[in-house]
Protein backbone atom coordinates (compact mmCIF):
# COMPACT_ATOMS: atom_id res chain seq x y z
CA MET A 1 -42.81 -265.25 10.07
CA TYR A 2 -39.46 -263.58 10.50
CA LEU A 3 -38.12 -260.33 9.09
CA VAL A 4 -34.42 -260.67 8.36
CA HIS A 5 -32.37 -257.75 7.07
CA ALA A 6 -29.41 -258.31 4.77
CA ARG A 7 -27.11 -255.28 4.50
CA PHE A 8 -24.91 -254.84 1.42
CA ARG A 9 -22.11 -252.51 0.39
CA ILE A 10 -21.67 -251.89 -3.31
CA GLU A 11 -18.15 -251.95 -4.67
CA PRO A 12 -17.28 -248.49 -6.08
CA PRO A 13 -17.58 -247.08 -8.67
CA ALA A 14 -20.96 -248.84 -8.93
CA GLU A 15 -23.89 -247.20 -7.15
CA VAL A 16 -27.30 -248.29 -5.93
CA PRO A 17 -29.33 -248.98 -9.09
CA VAL A 18 -32.47 -246.95 -9.61
CA ALA A 19 -34.38 -250.18 -10.33
CA LEU A 20 -33.04 -252.02 -7.25
CA ARG A 21 -36.53 -252.92 -6.00
CA GLU A 22 -37.54 -254.53 -9.29
CA LEU A 23 -34.17 -256.29 -9.74
CA ALA A 24 -34.25 -257.74 -6.23
CA ARG A 25 -37.83 -258.96 -6.52
CA ARG A 26 -37.25 -260.55 -9.94
CA SER A 27 -34.21 -262.35 -8.54
CA LEU A 28 -36.27 -264.45 -6.12
CA LYS A 29 -37.36 -267.99 -6.95
CA ALA A 30 -40.58 -269.64 -5.80
CA ASP A 31 -38.66 -272.11 -3.61
CA ASP A 32 -36.84 -269.28 -1.77
CA GLY A 33 -39.82 -269.15 0.59
CA VAL A 34 -39.81 -265.36 0.71
CA GLU A 35 -43.30 -264.08 1.46
CA HIS A 36 -42.39 -260.41 0.94
CA LEU A 37 -39.27 -258.45 0.13
CA SER A 38 -38.60 -254.87 1.13
CA VAL A 39 -35.77 -252.81 -0.32
CA HIS A 40 -34.05 -249.92 1.44
CA PRO A 41 -31.52 -248.08 -0.74
CA HIS A 42 -28.89 -246.06 1.12
CA PRO A 43 -27.10 -244.21 -1.69
CA PRO A 44 -24.48 -243.95 -2.81
CA HIS A 45 -23.02 -247.36 -1.87
CA GLN A 46 -25.24 -249.35 0.49
CA PHE A 47 -28.64 -251.01 0.54
CA THR A 48 -30.66 -253.36 2.72
CA LEU A 49 -32.99 -256.15 1.62
CA GLY A 50 -35.68 -257.11 4.11
CA PHE A 51 -36.78 -260.73 3.72
CA TYR A 52 -40.10 -261.76 5.28
CA LEU A 53 -40.11 -265.53 5.41
CA LEU A 54 -41.74 -268.44 7.17
CA SER A 55 -39.32 -270.52 9.17
CA ASP A 56 -39.22 -272.81 12.19
CA SER A 57 -36.63 -270.68 13.99
CA LEU A 58 -34.76 -267.39 13.85
CA ARG A 59 -31.48 -269.21 13.21
CA GLU A 60 -33.02 -271.08 10.27
CA ALA A 61 -34.46 -267.82 8.86
CA GLU A 62 -31.06 -266.10 9.04
CA ASP A 63 -29.23 -269.08 7.52
CA HIS A 64 -31.75 -269.27 4.70
CA THR A 65 -31.40 -265.53 4.05
CA ARG A 66 -27.60 -265.90 3.83
CA ARG A 67 -27.97 -268.67 1.24
CA VAL A 68 -30.40 -266.61 -0.87
CA CYS A 69 -28.08 -263.58 -0.69
CA ALA A 70 -25.05 -265.67 -1.73
CA ARG A 71 -26.97 -266.88 -4.77
CA LEU A 72 -28.08 -263.33 -5.66
CA LEU A 73 -24.52 -262.03 -5.40
CA ALA A 74 -23.17 -264.88 -7.53
CA ASP A 75 -25.65 -264.08 -10.32
CA ALA A 76 -24.53 -260.74 -11.76
CA ARG A 77 -27.90 -260.19 -13.50
CA TRP A 78 -29.66 -259.13 -10.29
CA LEU A 79 -27.45 -257.08 -8.01
CA PRO A 80 -24.56 -254.72 -8.63
CA PRO A 81 -21.08 -255.89 -7.53
CA ALA A 82 -21.46 -255.89 -3.75
CA ARG A 83 -20.53 -257.70 -0.58
CA LEU A 84 -22.80 -258.85 2.18
CA LEU A 85 -22.11 -256.89 5.39
CA SER A 86 -24.54 -258.55 7.78
CA VAL A 87 -27.65 -260.68 8.10
CA GLY A 88 -29.90 -260.41 11.12
CA VAL A 89 -33.19 -259.45 12.66
CA PRO A 90 -33.51 -255.65 12.86
CA LEU A 91 -34.88 -255.55 16.44
CA VAL A 92 -35.31 -258.36 18.93
CA ALA A 93 -36.42 -258.17 22.54
CA PRO A 94 -33.84 -259.93 24.77
CA ALA A 95 -36.49 -262.29 26.18
CA LEU A 96 -37.09 -263.67 22.68
CA LEU A 97 -33.44 -264.58 22.16
CA GLY A 98 -33.35 -267.33 24.78
CA ASP A 99 -30.15 -269.32 24.40
CA TRP A 100 -29.10 -267.63 21.17
CA PRO A 101 -25.28 -267.78 20.74
CA GLY A 102 -23.60 -264.60 21.86
CA THR A 103 -26.46 -263.56 24.13
CA PRO A 104 -25.13 -262.52 27.55
CA SER A 105 -26.53 -264.57 30.41
CA ARG A 106 -28.82 -262.75 32.78
């Protein structure tokens, strides 16, 4: 299982909705493969969604998270007008990265 954070910035004048947790959870579909979703509001204009999902690799987990986020942003019912800032694992030990692109060689 991987935890992948997706950071968003809300387009002003909109702000982080009070019901962000409920909106984000209701936006997920069964085939999204998300085991758990955490929500971290950072008022007034940013928030992070933490996706816990089963995947064969870190790269696959991040790619899947990007696709889910693109769908959520395209469907105005779930999230306020926002843009995706980044998708990635919050903390990773260098030894776990292996040959991950952009990892400096040792």
